[in-house]
Amino acid sequence: MASTYKIPMKPIVPVLLLVFVVGVTAAVAWCFRSGLTWSGISLAAIAGPLAMLYWYMLYINPKRAAITVADEGLLLAAPPFASAVIPWASVEKVFPGNLKLDDGLAVAKSRKIMQFAGYQSGLVELKNGAEAVIVTNRPDVLCIKTAERHYLLGPSDLEGFVRDVAAARGE
């Protein structure tokens, strides 16, 4: 039986985005006191595309991020930078970690990553030189070590995720 765990952005982020868009809209309308036509054109050209870009980046992409725990392994889907199929046979070690407290999990270099308001998704290099895929919305994560790389996974329901991983691995 497969279980899926989501890794969404914090709910306050889309709210702050909407507040930002309203602020930009008000500023543009105030600056172009030349009439409704030019204000509308400016808003359509500036605030509209900006709002759509950030809405997609901060709400839609993180909302699609998920980890599926199955009998065969893990399926990680966190577009656009992180996706993987991790068979249980390739897993060398599974252990809990904290990104803020564990020096071994400290990020030395970001390769392809999206970070915003505690949400992280992408490919990084750790201080010990290991390559890691990180997908989390929290500092505490479950570390899954394979021969190729580390996976630092922190879904919203970390306790349930840890329990299902242990059950799927027969621990």
N, C-alpha and C. Protein backbone atom coordinates (compact mmCIF):
# COMPACT_ATOMS: atom_id res chain seq x y z
N MET A 1 0.84 -1.19 0.00
CA MET A 1 0.00 0.00 0.00
C MET A 1 0.88 1.25 0.00
N ALA A 2 0.67 2.13 -0.92
CA ALA A 2 1.48 3.34 -1.06
C ALA A 2 0.86 4.50 -0.28
N SER A 3 1.71 5.30 0.32
CA SER A 3 1.29 6.50 1.03
C SER A 3 2.00 7.69 0.41
N THR A 4 1.28 8.78 0.25
CA THR A 4 1.85 9.98 -0.35
C THR A 4 1.88 11.09 0.69
N TYR A 5 3.02 11.77 0.74
CA TYR A 5 3.22 12.88 1.68
C TYR A 5 3.52 14.15 0.90
N LYS A 6 2.81 15.21 1.25
CA LYS A 6 2.95 16.50 0.57
C LYS A 6 3.96 17.38 1.29
N ILE A 7 4.54 18.31 0.52
CA ILE A 7 5.53 19.25 1.05
C ILE A 7 5.16 20.65 0.57
N PRO A 8 4.05 21.20 1.04
CA PRO A 8 3.63 22.51 0.53
C PRO A 8 4.40 23.67 1.17
N MET A 9 4.29 24.81 0.54
CA MET A 9 4.83 26.06 1.08
C MET A 9 3.93 26.46 2.26
N LYS A 10 4.44 27.22 3.19
CA LYS A 10 3.63 27.69 4.32
C LYS A 10 2.46 28.51 3.79
N PRO A 11 1.27 28.38 4.39
CA PRO A 11 0.07 29.09 3.88
C PRO A 11 0.19 30.60 3.85
N ILE A 12 1.03 31.17 4.67
CA ILE A 12 1.15 32.63 4.72
C ILE A 12 1.80 33.18 3.45
N VAL A 13 2.60 32.36 2.75
CA VAL A 13 3.33 32.84 1.58
C VAL A 13 2.39 33.30 0.46
N PRO A 14 1.38 32.50 0.05
CA PRO A 14 0.46 33.02 -0.98
C PRO A 14 -0.31 34.26 -0.53
N VAL A 15 -0.62 34.34 0.75
CA VAL A 15 -1.32 35.52 1.27
C VAL A 15 -0.43 36.76 1.14
N LEU A 16 0.84 36.62 1.52
CA LEU A 16 1.77 37.74 1.38
C LEU A 16 1.97 38.11 -0.09
N LEU A 17 1.97 37.11 -0.97
CA LEU A 17 2.08 37.38 -2.40
C LEU A 17 0.90 38.23 -2.87
N LEU A 18 -0.31 37.88 -2.47
CA LEU A 18 -1.49 38.65 -2.87
C LEU A 18 -1.43 40.07 -2.31
N VAL A 19 -0.95 40.22 -1.09
CA VAL A 19 -0.79 41.56 -0.51
C VAL A 19 0.22 42.36 -1.32
N PHE A 20 1.31 41.72 -1.73
CA PHE A 20 2.32 42.37 -2.56
C PHE A 20 1.73 42.82 -3.90
N VAL A 21 0.96 41.95 -4.53
CA VAL A 21 0.35 42.29 -5.83
C VAL A 21 -0.61 43.47 -5.67
N VAL A 22 -1.40 43.47 -4.61
CA VAL A 22 -2.31 44.59 -4.37
C VAL A 22 -1.50 45.88 -4.16
N GLY A 23 -0.39 45.79 -3.44
CA GLY A 23 0.46 46.96 -3.22
C GLY A 23 1.06 47.49 -4.51
N VAL A 24 1.56 46.58 -5.36
CA VAL A 24 2.11 46.99 -6.66
C VAL A 24 1.01 47.62 -7.51
N THR A 25 -0.15 47.02 -7.49
CA THR A 25 -1.27 47.55 -8.27
C THR A 25 -1.64 48.96 -7.80
N ALA A 26 -1.72 49.15 -6.50
CA ALA A 26 -2.05 50.47 -5.96
C ALA A 26 -0.96 51.49 -6.29
N ALA A 27 0.30 51.09 -6.19
CA ALA A 27 1.40 52.01 -6.50
C ALA A 27 1.40 52.41 -7.97
N VAL A 28 1.16 51.46 -8.85
CA VAL A 28 1.12 51.78 -10.29
C VAL A 28 -0.06 52.68 -10.60
N ALA A 29 -1.21 52.38 -10.04
CA ALA A 29 -2.39 53.22 -10.28
C ALA A 29 -2.17 54.64 -9.75
N TRP A 30 -1.52 54.76 -8.60
CA TRP A 30 -1.27 56.08 -8.03
C TRP A 30 -0.25 56.85 -8.87
N CYS A 31 0.80 56.16 -9.34
CA CYS A 31 1.83 56.82 -10.14
C CYS A 31 1.31 57.30 -11.49
N PHE A 32 0.39 56.57 -12.06
CA PHE A 32 -0.17 56.93 -13.37
C PHE A 32 -1.52 57.60 -13.18
N ARG A 33 -1.55 58.69 -12.49
CA ARG A 33 -2.80 59.39 -12.26
C ARG A 33 -3.34 60.03 -13.54
N SER A 34 -2.85 59.52 -14.66
CA SER A 34 -3.24 60.12 -15.93
C SER A 34 -4.55 59.53 -16.48
N GLY A 35 -5.12 58.61 -15.79
CA GLY A 35 -6.39 58.09 -16.25
C GLY A 35 -6.46 56.59 -16.16
N LEU A 36 -7.68 56.11 -16.31
CA LEU A 36 -7.96 54.69 -16.16
C LEU A 36 -7.32 53.85 -17.27
N THR A 37 -7.27 54.36 -18.47
CA THR A 37 -6.74 53.59 -19.60
C THR A 37 -5.26 53.27 -19.40
N TRP A 38 -4.44 54.27 -19.10
CA TRP A 38 -3.01 54.03 -18.92
C TRP A 38 -2.73 53.23 -17.65
N SER A 39 -3.51 53.45 -16.62
CA SER A 39 -3.35 52.66 -15.41
C SER A 39 -3.64 51.19 -15.69
N GLY A 40 -4.71 50.93 -16.43
CA GLY A 40 -5.07 49.55 -16.78
C GLY A 40 -4.01 48.88 -17.65
N ILE A 41 -3.48 49.62 -18.61
CA ILE A 41 -2.43 49.07 -19.47
C ILE A 41 -1.18 48.75 -18.65
N SER A 42 -0.80 49.66 -17.77
CA SER A 42 0.38 49.44 -16.93
C SER A 42 0.19 48.25 -16.02
N LEU A 43 -0.97 48.14 -15.43
CA LEU A 43 -1.23 47.01 -14.54
C LEU A 43 -1.22 45.69 -15.30
N ALA A 44 -1.81 45.69 -16.48
CA ALA A 44 -1.83 44.46 -17.29
C ALA A 44 -0.43 44.07 -17.73
N ALA A 45 0.41 45.05 -17.99
CA ALA A 45 1.77 44.77 -18.46
C ALA A 45 2.74 44.44 -17.33
N ILE A 46 2.51 44.98 -16.13
CA ILE A 46 3.46 44.81 -15.05
C ILE A 46 2.94 43.85 -13.98
N ALA A 47 1.86 44.19 -13.34
CA ALA A 47 1.38 43.42 -12.19
C ALA A 47 0.84 42.05 -12.60
N GLY A 48 0.19 41.94 -13.73
CA GLY A 48 -0.39 40.66 -14.16
C GLY A 48 0.66 39.57 -14.35
N PRO A 49 1.63 39.78 -15.23
CA PRO A 49 2.67 38.74 -15.41
C PRO A 49 3.49 38.48 -14.15
N LEU A 50 3.79 39.54 -13.40
CA LEU A 50 4.54 39.37 -12.16
C LEU A 50 3.76 38.49 -11.18
N ALA A 51 2.49 38.76 -11.04
CA ALA A 51 1.65 37.97 -10.12
C ALA A 51 1.56 36.52 -10.58
N MET A 52 1.37 36.29 -11.87
CA MET A 52 1.27 34.90 -12.37
C MET A 52 2.58 34.15 -12.16
N LEU A 53 3.70 34.80 -12.43
CA LEU A 53 4.99 34.15 -12.24
C LEU A 53 5.20 33.75 -10.79
N TYR A 54 4.99 34.68 -9.87
CA TYR A 54 5.20 34.38 -8.46
C TYR A 54 4.16 33.41 -7.92
N TRP A 55 2.93 33.48 -8.39
CA TRP A 55 1.89 32.53 -7.95
C TRP A 55 2.31 31.12 -8.34
N TYR A 56 2.80 30.95 -9.54
CA TYR A 56 3.25 29.63 -9.99
C TYR A 56 4.46 29.18 -9.18
N MET A 57 5.41 30.06 -8.99
CA MET A 57 6.65 29.71 -8.32
C MET A 57 6.45 29.43 -6.82
N LEU A 58 5.59 30.18 -6.16
CA LEU A 58 5.45 30.07 -4.72
C LEU A 58 4.25 29.25 -4.27
N TYR A 59 3.34 28.93 -5.16
CA TYR A 59 2.16 28.18 -4.73
C TYR A 59 1.98 26.89 -5.52
N ILE A 60 1.94 26.98 -6.83
CA ILE A 60 1.65 25.80 -7.65
C ILE A 60 2.78 24.78 -7.59
N ASN A 61 4.03 25.18 -7.80
CA ASN A 61 5.14 24.22 -7.78
C ASN A 61 5.27 23.51 -6.44
N PRO A 62 5.34 24.21 -5.30
CA PRO A 62 5.44 23.51 -4.03
C PRO A 62 4.21 22.65 -3.72
N LYS A 63 3.05 23.05 -4.20
CA LYS A 63 1.83 22.26 -3.94
C LYS A 63 1.91 20.89 -4.63
N ARG A 64 2.64 20.80 -5.74
CA ARG A 64 2.77 19.54 -6.47
C ARG A 64 3.85 18.64 -5.87
N ALA A 65 4.69 19.15 -4.99
CA ALA A 65 5.78 18.35 -4.41
C ALA A 65 5.21 17.26 -3.51
N ALA A 66 5.67 16.03 -3.73
CA ALA A 66 5.15 14.89 -2.96
C ALA A 66 6.18 13.77 -2.93
N ILE A 67 6.10 12.99 -1.86
CA ILE A 67 6.91 11.79 -1.72
C ILE A 67 5.95 10.63 -1.53
N THR A 68 6.10 9.61 -2.35
CA THR A 68 5.26 8.42 -2.23
C THR A 68 6.11 7.28 -1.68
N VAL A 69 5.63 6.69 -0.60
CA VAL A 69 6.30 5.55 0.02
C VAL A 69 5.54 4.30 -0.44
N ALA A 70 6.25 3.41 -1.13
CA ALA A 70 5.65 2.16 -1.63
C ALA A 70 6.49 0.98 -1.17
N ASP A 71 5.99 -0.21 -1.40
CA ASP A 71 6.72 -1.42 -1.02
C ASP A 71 8.04 -1.54 -1.77
N GLU A 72 8.11 -1.00 -2.99
CA GLU A 72 9.31 -1.11 -3.82
C GLU A 72 10.36 -0.04 -3.51
N GLY A 73 9.91 1.11 -2.99
CA GLY A 73 10.83 2.21 -2.71
C GLY A 73 10.10 3.53 -2.59
N LEU A 74 10.85 4.60 -2.80
CA LEU A 74 10.30 5.95 -2.72
C LEU A 74 10.21 6.58 -4.10
N LEU A 75 9.16 7.33 -4.33
CA LEU A 75 9.02 8.13 -5.54
C LEU A 75 8.96 9.59 -5.10
N LEU A 76 9.96 10.35 -5.50
CA LEU A 76 10.06 11.75 -5.14
C LEU A 76 9.72 12.60 -6.35
N ALA A 77 8.75 13.48 -6.21
CA ALA A 77 8.36 14.38 -7.29
C ALA A 77 8.26 15.79 -6.72
N ALA A 78 9.24 16.63 -7.04
CA ALA A 78 9.26 18.01 -6.58
C ALA A 78 9.78 18.88 -7.71
N PRO A 79 8.92 19.16 -8.70
CA PRO A 79 9.37 19.93 -9.86
C PRO A 79 9.77 21.34 -9.47
N PRO A 80 10.63 21.97 -10.18
CA PRO A 80 11.28 21.57 -11.42
C PRO A 80 12.66 20.93 -11.22
N PHE A 81 13.21 20.95 -9.99
CA PHE A 81 14.60 20.53 -9.81
C PHE A 81 14.80 19.17 -9.18
N ALA A 82 13.81 18.62 -8.52
CA ALA A 82 14.03 17.37 -7.79
C ALA A 82 12.99 16.32 -8.14
N SER A 83 13.46 15.22 -8.68
CA SER A 83 12.60 14.05 -8.88
C SER A 83 13.50 12.82 -8.89
N ALA A 84 13.00 11.74 -8.30
CA ALA A 84 13.82 10.53 -8.22
C ALA A 84 12.95 9.34 -7.89
N VAL A 85 13.43 8.19 -8.30
CA VAL A 85 12.88 6.91 -7.88
C VAL A 85 13.99 6.24 -7.08
N ILE A 86 13.69 5.92 -5.82
CA ILE A 86 14.70 5.36 -4.93
C ILE A 86 14.25 3.96 -4.50
N PRO A 87 14.77 2.91 -5.14
CA PRO A 87 14.42 1.56 -4.72
C PRO A 87 15.02 1.24 -3.34
N TRP A 88 14.32 0.46 -2.54
CA TRP A 88 14.81 0.15 -1.20
C TRP A 88 16.16 -0.58 -1.26
N ALA A 89 16.41 -1.34 -2.32
CA ALA A 89 17.67 -2.07 -2.45
C ALA A 89 18.87 -1.13 -2.55
N SER A 90 18.66 0.10 -3.02
CA SER A 90 19.77 1.05 -3.17
C SER A 90 20.02 1.88 -1.92
N VAL A 91 19.14 1.78 -0.92
CA VAL A 91 19.26 2.58 0.30
C VAL A 91 20.28 1.94 1.23
N GLU A 92 21.32 2.71 1.57
CA GLU A 92 22.36 2.23 2.47
C GLU A 92 22.06 2.54 3.93
N LYS A 93 21.46 3.71 4.17
CA LYS A 93 21.23 4.14 5.54
C LYS A 93 20.06 5.11 5.58
N VAL A 94 19.25 5.03 6.63
CA VAL A 94 18.16 5.97 6.86
C VAL A 94 18.32 6.50 8.29
N PHE A 95 18.35 7.82 8.44
CA PHE A 95 18.52 8.40 9.77
C PHE A 95 17.88 9.79 9.83
N PRO A 96 17.45 10.21 11.04
CA PRO A 96 16.88 11.55 11.19
C PRO A 96 17.99 12.59 11.22
N GLY A 97 17.65 13.80 10.81
CA GLY A 97 18.63 14.88 10.82
C GLY A 97 17.95 16.22 10.98
N ASN A 98 18.76 17.22 11.24
CA ASN A 98 18.26 18.59 11.36
C ASN A 98 19.18 19.48 10.54
N LEU A 99 18.61 20.17 9.58
CA LEU A 99 19.41 21.00 8.67
C LEU A 99 20.10 22.17 9.36
N LYS A 100 19.54 22.63 10.47
CA LYS A 100 20.12 23.77 11.16
C LYS A 100 21.16 23.35 12.20
N LEU A 101 21.01 22.15 12.76
CA LEU A 101 21.88 21.74 13.86
C LEU A 101 22.98 20.76 13.46
N ASP A 102 22.74 19.90 12.47
CA ASP A 102 23.71 18.88 12.07
C ASP A 102 24.72 19.46 11.09
N ASP A 103 25.96 19.52 11.51
CA ASP A 103 27.01 20.07 10.64
C ASP A 103 27.23 19.20 9.40
N GLY A 104 27.00 17.89 9.52
CA GLY A 104 27.16 16.99 8.38
C GLY A 104 26.13 17.21 7.29
N LEU A 105 25.04 17.86 7.64
CA LEU A 105 23.99 18.13 6.65
C LEU A 105 24.00 19.59 6.18
N ALA A 106 25.00 20.32 6.56
CA ALA A 106 25.09 21.72 6.16
C ALA A 106 25.36 21.83 4.66
N VAL A 107 24.67 22.74 4.02
CA VAL A 107 24.80 22.94 2.58
C VAL A 107 26.02 23.81 2.31
N ALA A 108 26.93 23.29 1.48
CA ALA A 108 28.12 24.05 1.10
C ALA A 108 27.89 24.84 -0.17
N LYS A 109 27.17 24.23 -1.11
CA LYS A 109 26.97 24.87 -2.41
C LYS A 109 25.61 24.45 -2.97
N SER A 110 24.87 25.42 -3.46
CA SER A 110 23.59 25.14 -4.10
C SER A 110 23.80 25.04 -5.60
N ARG A 111 23.30 23.97 -6.19
CA ARG A 111 23.43 23.81 -7.63
C ARG A 111 22.16 24.28 -8.34
N LYS A 112 21.09 23.56 -8.11
CA LYS A 112 19.78 23.94 -8.66
C LYS A 112 18.81 23.85 -7.49
N ILE A 113 18.34 24.98 -7.04
CA ILE A 113 17.47 24.94 -5.86
C ILE A 113 16.48 26.08 -5.86
N MET A 114 15.32 25.82 -5.28
CA MET A 114 14.32 26.85 -5.02
C MET A 114 14.16 26.92 -3.51
N GLN A 115 14.44 28.08 -2.93
CA GLN A 115 14.34 28.30 -1.50
C GLN A 115 13.50 29.53 -1.24
N PHE A 116 12.52 29.39 -0.37
CA PHE A 116 11.73 30.56 0.00
C PHE A 116 10.90 30.23 1.23
N ALA A 117 11.00 31.05 2.25
CA ALA A 117 10.18 30.95 3.47
C ALA A 117 10.21 29.55 4.09
N GLY A 118 11.39 28.95 4.17
CA GLY A 118 11.52 27.64 4.79
C GLY A 118 11.36 26.47 3.84
N TYR A 119 10.83 26.70 2.67
CA TYR A 119 10.68 25.64 1.67
C TYR A 119 11.97 25.54 0.86
N GLN A 120 12.46 24.31 0.68
CA GLN A 120 13.67 24.08 -0.11
C GLN A 120 13.43 22.87 -1.00
N SER A 121 13.79 23.01 -2.26
CA SER A 121 13.65 21.91 -3.20
C SER A 121 14.74 22.04 -4.25
N GLY A 122 15.58 21.00 -4.35
CA GLY A 122 16.60 21.05 -5.37
C GLY A 122 17.81 20.18 -5.08
N LEU A 123 18.87 20.46 -5.80
CA LEU A 123 20.11 19.71 -5.73
C LEU A 123 21.19 20.59 -5.09
N VAL A 124 21.86 20.07 -4.06
CA VAL A 124 22.88 20.81 -3.34
C VAL A 124 24.11 19.92 -3.12
N GLU A 125 25.18 20.56 -2.70
CA GLU A 125 26.38 19.85 -2.28
C GLU A 125 26.57 20.11 -0.80
N LEU A 126 26.75 19.05 -0.02
CA LEU A 126 26.94 19.18 1.42
C LEU A 126 28.40 19.51 1.74
N LYS A 127 28.65 19.95 2.96
CA LYS A 127 30.01 20.30 3.36
C LYS A 127 30.97 19.13 3.26
N ASN A 128 30.47 17.91 3.43
CA ASN A 128 31.35 16.74 3.35
C ASN A 128 31.61 16.32 1.90
N GLY A 129 31.10 17.08 0.94
CA GLY A 129 31.34 16.82 -0.48
C GLY A 129 30.29 15.96 -1.14
N ALA A 130 29.37 15.40 -0.38
CA ALA A 130 28.32 14.55 -0.94
C ALA A 130 27.27 15.38 -1.65
N GLU A 131 26.73 14.81 -2.71
CA GLU A 131 25.63 15.45 -3.43
C GLU A 131 24.33 15.07 -2.72
N ALA A 132 23.41 16.02 -2.62
CA ALA A 132 22.15 15.75 -1.92
C ALA A 132 20.98 16.38 -2.67
N VAL A 133 19.87 15.67 -2.64
CA VAL A 133 18.60 16.20 -3.11
C VAL A 133 17.84 16.58 -1.85
N ILE A 134 17.39 17.82 -1.80
CA ILE A 134 16.69 18.30 -0.63
C ILE A 134 15.28 18.73 -1.03
N VAL A 135 14.29 18.23 -0.30
CA VAL A 135 12.90 18.64 -0.49
C VAL A 135 12.27 18.68 0.90
N THR A 136 12.06 19.88 1.40
CA THR A 136 11.54 20.02 2.76
C THR A 136 10.87 21.38 2.95
N ASN A 137 10.01 21.44 3.94
CA ASN A 137 9.43 22.71 4.35
C ASN A 137 9.67 22.92 5.86
N ARG A 138 10.67 22.20 6.38
CA ARG A 138 10.97 22.24 7.81
C ARG A 138 12.45 21.95 8.03
N PRO A 139 13.02 22.28 9.18
CA PRO A 139 14.44 22.00 9.41
C PRO A 139 14.73 20.53 9.72
N ASP A 140 13.81 19.81 10.36
CA ASP A 140 14.06 18.41 10.66
C ASP A 140 13.64 17.55 9.47
N VAL A 141 14.52 16.62 9.10
CA VAL A 141 14.32 15.82 7.89
C VAL A 141 14.66 14.36 8.17
N LEU A 142 14.25 13.51 7.25
CA LEU A 142 14.69 12.12 7.24
C LEU A 142 15.73 12.01 6.14
N CYS A 143 16.92 11.56 6.49
CA CYS A 143 18.02 11.46 5.53
C CYS A 143 18.05 10.03 5.00
N ILE A 144 18.06 9.90 3.70
CA ILE A 144 18.14 8.61 3.04
C ILE A 144 19.42 8.63 2.21
N LYS A 145 20.35 7.76 2.59
CA LYS A 145 21.66 7.73 1.93
C LYS A 145 21.71 6.57 0.95
N THR A 146 22.07 6.88 -0.29
CA THR A 146 22.30 5.86 -1.31
C THR A 146 23.75 5.99 -1.77
N ALA A 147 24.18 5.11 -2.65
CA ALA A 147 25.55 5.17 -3.16
C ALA A 147 25.79 6.44 -3.96
N GLU A 148 24.78 6.93 -4.67
CA GLU A 148 24.94 8.11 -5.52
C GLU A 148 24.83 9.42 -4.76
N ARG A 149 23.88 9.51 -3.83
CA ARG A 149 23.64 10.79 -3.16
C ARG A 149 22.81 10.60 -1.90
N HIS A 150 22.66 11.70 -1.18
CA HIS A 150 21.78 11.75 0.00
C HIS A 150 20.45 12.37 -0.43
N TYR A 151 19.39 11.97 0.23
CA TYR A 151 18.08 12.58 0.04
C TYR A 151 17.65 13.11 1.40
N LEU A 152 17.43 14.41 1.49
CA LEU A 152 17.01 15.06 2.73
C LEU A 152 15.54 15.44 2.56
N LEU A 153 14.66 14.66 3.15
CA LEU A 153 13.23 14.78 2.90
C LEU A 153 12.50 15.18 4.18
N GLY A 154 11.69 16.23 4.08
CA GLY A 154 10.94 16.71 5.23
C GLY A 154 9.53 17.10 4.88
N PRO A 155 8.62 16.12 4.72
CA PRO A 155 7.22 16.46 4.42
C PRO A 155 6.52 17.05 5.64
N SER A 156 5.33 17.56 5.44
CA SER A 156 4.57 18.17 6.54
C SER A 156 4.32 17.17 7.66
N ASP A 157 3.98 15.93 7.31
CA ASP A 157 3.75 14.87 8.30
C ASP A 157 5.00 14.00 8.39
N LEU A 158 6.04 14.53 9.02
CA LEU A 158 7.31 13.81 9.10
C LEU A 158 7.19 12.53 9.93
N GLU A 159 6.42 12.58 11.01
CA GLU A 159 6.28 11.41 11.87
C GLU A 159 5.64 10.25 11.11
N GLY A 160 4.58 10.52 10.37
CA GLY A 160 3.93 9.48 9.56
C GLY A 160 4.85 8.97 8.46
N PHE A 161 5.62 9.87 7.87
CA PHE A 161 6.56 9.49 6.82
C PHE A 161 7.64 8.56 7.37
N VAL A 162 8.21 8.89 8.53
CA VAL A 162 9.23 8.05 9.16
C VAL A 162 8.64 6.68 9.48
N ARG A 163 7.44 6.66 10.00
CA ARG A 163 6.78 5.39 10.34
C ARG A 163 6.56 4.53 9.09
N ASP A 164 6.09 5.14 8.00
CA ASP A 164 5.84 4.38 6.77
C ASP A 164 7.13 3.90 6.11
N VAL A 165 8.19 4.71 6.16
CA VAL A 165 9.48 4.29 5.62
C VAL A 165 10.00 3.08 6.39
N ALA A 166 9.93 3.14 7.71
CA ALA A 166 10.39 2.01 8.54
C ALA A 166 9.58 0.75 8.24
N ALA A 167 8.27 0.91 8.09
CA ALA A 167 7.42 -0.26 7.80
C ALA A 167 7.73 -0.83 6.41
N ALA A 168 7.93 0.02 5.44
CA ALA A 168 8.22 -0.44 4.09
C ALA A 168 9.58 -1.13 4.00
N ARG A 169 10.52 -0.70 4.81
CA ARG A 169 11.85 -1.32 4.82
C ARG A 169 11.91 -2.56 5.72
N GLY A 170 10.82 -2.82 6.45
CA GLY A 170 10.78 -3.98 7.33
C GLY A 170 11.51 -3.77 8.64
N GLU A 171 11.58 -2.56 9.11
CA GLU A 171 12.29 -2.25 10.37
C GLU A 171 11.32 -2.16 11.53
